[in-house]
Amino acid sequence: MKTTLFTPYNMNGISLKNRFLMAPMTRSRATQPGDIPNKLMTTYYGQRTSAGIIITEATQISLQAKGYAKTPGIYTPEQIKGWKLITEEVHKKGSKIFLQLWHVGRVSSSRVNGLQPIGPSSKIAKETNVYIFDGAPNGDATFIPVEEPKEMNPNDIKQVIEEFKIAAKNAIEAGFDGVEIHGANGYLIDQFLRSNSNIRKDKYGGSKENRIRILSEITHAVVNEIGTDKTGVRLSPFINFKDMNDPEILETIMLAAKKLEEIGITYIHLCEADWDDAPQIPINFRKKLRNTFSKTIIATGNKTPEEADELLQENLVDLVGFGRSFLTNPDYPKRVEMNLKMNEIIDNHTLFGGGDTRGYTDYPFIKK
């Protein structure tokens, strides 16, 4: 029988109404001060419950973990309370929701959070920017260069592992169905995985086995707190922006996948490049990952429904995520099913931040 995106799917006991997954997208709408999720964000996520499962925007596990302005946190009582509004709304409308746990590492600036960035090594990420809101007349984000990070000492590493653990606990308290550990896109865990950004000489650097250690220890801490069935990990083997070009990364990622299989997490989320001339993930890599990791595999990255169906039919992935398609089309699965025209982005200026509903919650639904 032909597999389709509308086939129900069960992920470690979580029954999903379809295989459409809303991918994480940074939107920078949290209430200031305090980086608190709010009613506007509740409306946004509630509108997009046509997805079988939602993975939230990246959410910092501490103030040190923050790299961009107006992104939400999950480390204060006020933030937990704000997220509860969102999880209750999503569950009321019949969907599931995972919180993406984020530490940006060296990809930050003291102009964002008042702190010097930290990372596996004191190597700055070349040609890499973050953004702030500095009062531009049109409300635009202003991009600024990252700063040189402080090399993390053993106490720093221990603290970050503890912060991931506490953040996972807070997420469950806030009503999430699980968490996704963000190990992709040039942020802290990815920085440890790669030989060009991690030049440490201790047990967290050098060999591939050492470079996956912090991912393993963070994952162990999280699953010990909330369980394997509520824990996923995001990885990006073929993305090298933010100065992350590492010739050893594919072997390192596969070693990490083997370790994650041993730990028993519920899914691996492959973050795939979404620009026009982006590298394609080779079929042999997908097959090797499938043979290495036995649980759910998620793929996201500018997929068309046809490409998604092909990956599902070939049993190379179990769920497919869509990002900007859901950003502009809160009823995206229905539009695909009925072969209807899609909404386009209203204004690129509203992608990262904005003071009102424009470009956030004002995209139209199908007219009934």
Protein backbone atom coordinates (compact mmCIF):
# COMPACT_ATOMS: atom_id res chain seq x y z
CA MET A 1 0.00 0.00 0.00
CA LYS A 2 1.28 3.46 -0.90
CA THR A 3 2.65 5.37 2.07
CA THR A 4 1.47 8.97 2.30
CA LEU A 5 1.94 11.91 4.61
CA PHE A 6 -1.61 11.32 5.81
CA THR A 7 -0.86 7.85 7.13
CA PRO A 8 -1.19 7.82 10.95
CA TYR A 9 2.06 7.12 12.74
CA ASN A 10 2.98 5.90 16.20
CA MET A 11 6.23 7.15 17.77
CA ASN A 12 7.06 5.22 20.93
CA GLY A 13 3.47 5.26 22.10
CA ILE A 14 2.67 8.76 20.77
CA SER A 15 -0.09 8.38 18.21
CA LEU A 16 0.06 11.11 15.55
CA LYS A 17 -2.84 12.09 13.31
CA ASN A 18 -0.54 12.44 10.27
CA ARG A 19 3.13 12.40 9.33
CA PHE A 20 3.30 16.15 8.80
CA LEU A 21 5.66 17.63 11.36
CA MET A 22 6.10 21.35 11.96
CA ALA A 23 9.83 21.99 12.06
CA PRO A 24 11.43 24.34 14.60
CA MET A 25 11.71 27.94 13.42
CA THR A 26 13.15 30.87 15.36
CA ARG A 27 10.56 33.68 15.41
CA SER A 28 11.70 35.99 18.29
CA ARG A 29 8.36 36.99 19.78
CA ALA A 30 9.00 36.29 23.50
CA THR A 31 7.95 38.94 26.02
CA GLN A 32 10.70 41.20 27.37
CA PRO A 33 12.21 41.36 29.87
CA GLY A 34 12.49 37.70 30.80
CA ASP A 35 12.22 35.90 27.42
CA ILE A 36 8.74 34.68 28.39
CA PRO A 37 6.39 32.80 26.02
CA ASN A 38 3.13 34.69 25.67
CA LYS A 39 -0.45 34.76 24.34
CA LEU A 40 0.66 35.79 20.85
CA MET A 41 2.89 32.72 20.67
CA THR A 42 -0.01 30.63 21.98
CA THR A 43 -2.15 31.80 19.08
CA TYR A 44 0.66 31.07 16.60
CA TYR A 45 1.22 27.49 17.75
CA GLY A 46 -2.49 26.85 18.20
CA GLN A 47 -3.12 27.87 14.58
CA ARG A 48 -0.63 25.27 13.36
CA THR A 49 -2.06 22.19 15.05
CA SER A 50 -2.87 20.77 11.64
CA ALA A 51 0.59 19.24 12.07
CA GLY A 52 0.63 15.82 13.72
CA ILE A 53 3.50 16.97 15.90
CA ILE A 54 5.10 20.38 16.47
CA ILE A 55 8.72 20.95 17.44
CA THR A 56 9.00 24.41 18.93
CA GLU A 57 11.44 27.12 18.10
CA ALA A 58 14.84 26.71 19.77
CA THR A 59 14.54 27.57 23.46
CA GLN A 60 17.53 28.54 25.59
CA ILE A 61 18.26 26.48 28.69
CA SER A 62 19.91 29.42 30.49
CA LEU A 63 20.79 33.07 29.96
CA GLN A 64 24.30 31.99 28.94
CA ALA A 65 22.73 29.73 26.29
CA LYS A 66 20.99 32.64 24.55
CA GLY A 67 22.33 33.90 21.22
CA TYR A 68 19.57 35.97 19.64
CA ALA A 69 17.17 38.62 20.89
CA LYS A 70 13.60 37.82 22.02
CA THR A 71 13.98 34.04 21.91
CA PRO A 72 12.15 32.18 24.70
CA GLY A 73 13.71 30.37 27.65
CA ILE A 74 12.79 27.38 29.80
CA TYR A 75 14.71 28.08 33.01
CA THR A 76 12.46 30.38 35.07
CA PRO A 77 9.01 29.86 36.64
CA GLU A 78 7.60 32.64 34.44
CA GLN A 79 8.86 30.92 31.29
CA ILE A 80 7.38 27.58 32.38
CA LYS A 81 4.03 29.28 33.03
CA GLY A 82 4.14 30.91 29.59
CA TRP A 83 4.85 27.62 27.84
CA LYS A 84 1.93 25.97 29.68
CA LEU A 85 -0.45 28.25 27.82
CA ILE A 86 0.97 26.92 24.55
CA THR A 87 1.01 23.21 25.39
CA GLU A 88 -2.56 23.37 26.68
CA GLU A 89 -3.70 25.04 23.45
CA VAL A 90 -1.89 22.54 21.22
CA HIS A 91 -3.20 19.54 23.16
CA LYS A 92 -6.74 20.94 23.17
CA LYS A 93 -6.60 20.95 19.38
CA GLY A 94 -5.33 17.37 19.17
CA SER A 95 -1.63 17.68 18.32
CA LYS A 96 1.59 16.79 20.12
CA ILE A 97 4.43 19.19 20.89
CA PHE A 98 8.13 18.77 21.75
CA LEU A 99 10.32 21.59 23.09
CA GLN A 100 13.69 22.11 21.41
CA LEU A 101 16.41 22.66 24.04
CA TRP A 102 19.12 25.07 22.90
CA HIS A 103 22.55 26.27 23.89
CA VAL A 104 24.20 28.42 21.22
CA GLY A 105 27.73 28.12 22.61
CA ARG A 106 30.12 30.40 20.74
CA VAL A 107 27.38 31.78 18.47
CA SER A 108 26.52 34.76 20.64
CA SER A 109 27.52 38.24 21.75
CA SER A 110 27.57 40.10 25.04
CA ARG A 111 25.24 42.58 23.33
CA VAL A 112 22.57 39.85 23.36
CA ASN A 113 22.79 38.54 26.92
CA GLY A 114 25.49 40.57 28.70
CA LEU A 115 27.83 37.57 28.83
CA GLN A 116 30.92 36.43 26.96
CA PRO A 117 30.07 33.39 24.82
CA ILE A 118 31.44 29.98 25.79
CA GLY A 119 32.46 27.08 23.59
CA PRO A 120 34.59 23.95 23.40
CA SER A 121 37.59 26.09 22.39
CA SER A 122 38.39 29.79 22.27
CA LYS A 123 37.88 29.91 18.49
CA ILE A 124 35.59 32.57 17.12
CA ALA A 125 33.09 31.53 14.45
CA LYS A 126 34.23 33.41 11.34
CA GLU A 127 31.70 35.34 9.25
CA THR A 128 28.92 34.53 11.71
CA ASN A 129 26.29 36.95 13.00
CA VAL A 130 23.53 37.04 15.57
CA TYR A 131 20.82 39.67 15.92
CA ILE A 132 19.48 42.22 18.35
CA PHE A 133 16.67 44.74 18.22
CA ASP A 134 18.18 48.18 18.61
CA GLY A 135 15.24 50.40 17.76
CA ALA A 136 15.41 50.39 13.97
CA PRO A 137 12.48 52.46 12.62
CA ASN A 138 10.97 49.52 10.72
CA GLY A 139 11.38 47.16 13.69
CA ASP A 140 13.99 45.08 11.88
CA ALA A 141 16.53 42.93 13.64
CA THR A 142 20.09 44.26 13.44
CA PHE A 143 22.74 41.64 12.73
CA ILE A 144 26.00 41.88 14.68
CA PRO A 145 29.16 39.72 14.63
CA VAL A 146 29.67 37.06 17.28
CA GLU A 147 32.42 37.50 19.86
CA GLU A 148 35.36 35.28 20.76
CA PRO A 149 34.22 32.58 23.19
CA LYS A 150 35.78 31.49 26.46
CA GLU A 151 36.97 27.87 26.36
CA MET A 152 34.77 25.85 28.68
CA ASN A 153 36.46 24.33 31.70
CA PRO A 154 35.24 21.08 33.36
CA ASN A 155 32.94 23.02 35.70
CA ASP A 156 31.38 24.84 32.73
CA ILE A 157 30.71 21.51 31.01
CA LYS A 158 29.21 20.04 34.16
CA GLN A 159 26.97 23.09 34.53
CA VAL A 160 25.72 22.91 30.94
CA ILE A 161 24.85 19.23 31.32
CA GLU A 162 22.91 20.07 34.47
CA GLU A 163 21.13 22.93 32.67
CA PHE A 164 19.95 20.58 29.92
CA LYS A 165 18.66 18.18 32.58
CA ILE A 166 16.77 20.91 34.46
CA ALA A 167 15.40 22.35 31.23
CA ALA A 168 14.02 18.93 30.26
CA LYS A 169 12.37 18.60 33.66
CA ASN A 170 10.90 22.10 33.27
CA ALA A 171 9.58 21.21 29.81
CA ILE A 172 7.63 18.25 31.16
CA GLU A 173 6.29 20.46 33.97
CA ALA A 174 5.16 22.89 31.26
CA GLY A 175 3.16 20.11 29.59
CA PHE A 176 5.35 19.14 26.65
CA ASP A 177 5.17 15.61 25.24
CA GLY A 178 8.96 15.53 25.09
CA VAL A 179 12.11 17.48 24.26
CA GLU A 180 14.52 17.71 21.36
CA ILE A 181 18.19 18.26 22.22
CA HIS A 182 19.55 20.70 19.64
CA GLY A 183 22.82 19.18 18.45
CA ALA A 184 22.82 20.85 15.03
CA ASN A 185 23.43 24.01 13.00
CA GLY A 186 26.71 25.14 14.52
CA TYR A 187 25.50 25.53 18.10
CA LEU A 188 27.18 24.24 21.26
CA ILE A 189 26.82 20.48 20.89
CA ASP A 190 27.63 20.65 17.18
CA GLN A 191 30.71 22.72 18.07
CA PHE A 192 31.93 19.86 20.27
CA LEU A 193 31.26 17.30 17.54
CA ARG A 194 33.45 18.99 14.93
CA SER A 195 37.22 18.85 14.77
CA ASN A 196 37.59 22.38 13.39
CA SER A 197 35.69 24.06 16.26
CA ASN A 198 36.78 21.64 18.99
CA ILE A 199 40.56 21.60 19.44
CA ARG A 200 40.53 20.49 23.08
CA LYS A 201 43.17 18.12 24.43
CA ASP A 202 41.08 16.64 27.26
CA LYS A 203 38.45 13.86 27.26
CA TYR A 204 35.99 16.12 25.37
CA GLY A 205 38.30 16.71 22.38
CA GLY A 206 40.66 15.02 19.97
CA SER A 207 39.20 11.69 18.88
CA LYS A 208 35.71 11.25 17.50
CA GLU A 209 34.83 9.23 20.58
CA ASN A 210 35.84 12.15 22.78
CA ARG A 211 34.04 14.72 20.66
CA ILE A 212 30.67 12.94 20.99
CA ARG A 213 31.11 12.67 24.78
CA ILE A 214 29.22 15.84 25.71
CA LEU A 215 26.28 14.86 23.47
CA SER A 216 26.24 11.45 25.13
CA GLU A 217 26.41 12.89 28.65
CA ILE A 218 23.73 15.51 27.98
CA THR A 219 21.46 12.87 26.46
CA HIS A 220 22.01 10.49 29.38
CA ALA A 221 21.18 13.30 31.83
CA VAL A 222 17.98 14.16 29.98
CA VAL A 223 16.71 10.58 29.57
CA ASN A 224 17.49 9.82 33.21
CA GLU A 225 15.28 12.78 34.11
CA ILE A 226 12.33 12.36 31.71
CA GLY A 227 12.75 9.00 29.92
CA THR A 228 13.93 7.77 26.53
CA ASP A 229 10.43 7.94 25.05
CA LYS A 230 10.34 11.71 25.59
CA THR A 231 13.80 12.51 24.20
CA GLY A 232 14.95 13.24 20.66
CA VAL A 233 18.16 14.70 19.22
CA ARG A 234 18.66 16.98 16.22
CA LEU A 235 21.82 16.61 14.09
CA SER A 236 22.99 18.33 10.89
CA PRO A 237 25.74 16.28 9.20
CA PHE A 238 25.68 18.15 5.88
CA ILE A 239 25.36 21.74 7.13
CA ASN A 240 28.59 23.64 7.66
CA PHE A 241 27.64 27.32 7.91
CA LYS A 242 28.73 29.26 11.02
CA ASP A 243 32.32 28.22 10.23
CA MET A 244 31.68 24.51 10.83
CA ASN A 245 33.35 22.76 7.88
CA ASP A 246 34.77 19.50 9.28
CA PRO A 247 36.00 16.67 6.99
CA GLU A 248 35.37 14.10 9.75
CA ILE A 249 31.78 15.05 10.55
CA LEU A 250 29.99 12.21 8.71
CA GLU A 251 31.94 9.52 10.58
CA THR A 252 31.43 11.44 13.83
CA ILE A 253 27.69 11.73 13.28
CA MET A 254 27.39 8.01 12.58
CA LEU A 255 29.32 7.26 15.76
CA ALA A 256 26.95 9.59 17.61
CA ALA A 257 23.96 7.78 16.09
CA LYS A 258 25.30 4.48 17.34
CA LYS A 259 25.64 5.93 20.84
CA LEU A 260 22.11 7.39 20.68
CA GLU A 261 20.82 3.95 19.66
CA GLU A 262 22.48 2.47 22.76
CA ILE A 263 20.90 5.13 24.96
CA GLY A 264 17.52 4.40 23.36
CA ILE A 265 16.18 7.87 22.51
CA THR A 266 12.91 8.07 20.62
CA TYR A 267 14.14 9.87 17.49
CA ILE A 268 16.97 11.41 15.53
CA HIS A 269 16.02 14.56 13.61
CA LEU A 270 18.15 15.23 10.53
CA CYS A 271 18.28 18.96 9.88
CA GLU A 272 18.92 19.27 6.16
CA ALA A 273 19.96 22.38 4.28
CA ASP A 274 17.02 24.35 2.85
CA TRP A 275 18.59 26.72 0.32
CA ASP A 276 18.33 26.24 -3.44
CA ASP A 277 21.81 24.87 -4.17
CA ALA A 278 22.17 23.03 -0.86
CA PRO A 279 23.94 19.66 -0.71
CA GLN A 280 21.63 16.67 -0.89
CA ILE A 281 21.94 13.89 1.68
CA PRO A 282 23.19 10.79 -0.20
CA ILE A 283 20.94 7.73 -0.15
CA ASN A 284 23.80 5.59 1.18
CA PHE A 285 24.08 7.85 4.23
CA ARG A 286 20.34 7.53 4.85
CA LYS A 287 20.53 3.75 4.54
CA LYS A 288 23.49 3.55 6.89
CA LEU A 289 21.69 5.68 9.44
CA ARG A 290 18.58 3.50 9.14
CA ASN A 291 20.72 0.42 9.76
CA THR A 292 22.39 2.11 12.74
CA PHE A 293 19.39 3.71 14.45
CA SER A 294 16.24 1.63 14.94
CA LYS A 295 13.78 4.24 16.24
CA THR A 296 12.09 7.16 14.49
CA ILE A 297 14.08 9.17 11.93
CA ILE A 298 12.84 12.65 11.05
CA ALA A 299 13.96 14.67 8.02
CA THR A 300 13.40 18.41 7.58
CA GLY A 301 14.72 20.88 5.05
CA ASN A 302 12.61 22.41 2.27
CA LYS A 303 11.04 19.13 1.22
CA THR A 304 8.12 19.03 -1.19
CA PRO A 305 5.28 16.66 -0.30
CA GLU A 306 6.37 14.48 -3.24
CA GLU A 307 9.95 14.26 -1.95
CA ALA A 308 8.62 13.50 1.51
CA ASP A 309 6.41 10.69 0.23
CA GLU A 310 9.34 9.18 -1.65
CA LEU A 311 11.49 9.10 1.50
CA LEU A 312 8.61 7.53 3.44
CA GLN A 313 7.92 4.91 0.79
CA GLU A 314 11.58 3.91 0.69
CA ASN A 315 11.54 3.59 4.50
CA LEU A 316 14.45 6.01 4.84
CA VAL A 317 12.56 8.26 7.27
CA ASP A 318 9.43 7.99 9.42
CA LEU A 319 8.36 11.62 9.70
CA VAL A 320 8.97 14.65 7.50
CA GLY A 321 9.15 18.20 8.84
CA PHE A 322 8.06 21.36 7.06
CA GLY A 323 9.13 24.81 8.22
CA ARG A 324 8.24 27.85 6.15
CA SER A 325 5.34 25.97 4.60
CA PHE A 326 3.72 25.97 8.05
CA LEU A 327 4.90 29.50 8.76
CA THR A 328 2.76 30.88 5.93
CA ASN A 329 0.10 28.15 5.84
CA PRO A 330 -1.26 27.18 9.25
CA ASP A 331 -3.49 24.64 7.44
CA TYR A 332 -0.66 23.31 5.28
CA PRO A 333 -1.63 19.59 5.35
CA LYS A 334 -5.14 20.39 4.16
CA ARG A 335 -3.80 22.56 1.33
CA VAL A 336 -1.53 19.68 0.25
CA GLU A 337 -4.38 17.19 0.40
CA MET A 338 -6.67 19.44 -1.66
CA ASN A 339 -3.87 20.66 -3.99
CA LEU A 340 -4.63 24.31 -3.15
CA LYS A 341 -2.53 27.43 -3.63
CA MET A 342 -0.11 28.24 -0.82
CA ASN A 343 0.31 31.56 0.96
CA GLU A 344 3.61 33.32 0.37
CA ILE A 345 5.71 35.17 2.95
CA ILE A 346 4.11 38.57 3.58
CA ASP A 347 7.29 40.42 4.48
CA ASN A 348 10.79 39.06 5.14
CA HIS A 349 11.21 41.73 7.82
CA THR A 350 8.73 39.83 10.02
CA LEU A 351 10.57 36.50 9.98
CA PHE A 352 12.74 37.35 12.98
CA GLY A 353 10.73 39.42 15.39
CA GLY A 354 7.92 41.91 15.20
CA GLY A 355 5.74 43.75 17.64
CA ASP A 356 2.35 42.56 16.44
CA THR A 357 0.53 39.89 14.49
CA ARG A 358 1.87 40.85 11.05
CA GLY A 359 3.74 38.01 9.40
CA TYR A 360 3.09 35.81 12.42
CA THR A 361 -0.54 35.02 13.15
CA ASP A 362 -2.25 36.83 10.27
CA TYR A 363 -1.67 34.30 7.48
CA PRO A 364 -5.10 33.26 6.15
CA PHE A 365 -6.67 29.83 6.42
CA ILE A 366 -8.59 28.15 3.60
CA LYS A 367 -11.91 29.88 3.11
CA LYS A 368 -14.80 27.62 4.01
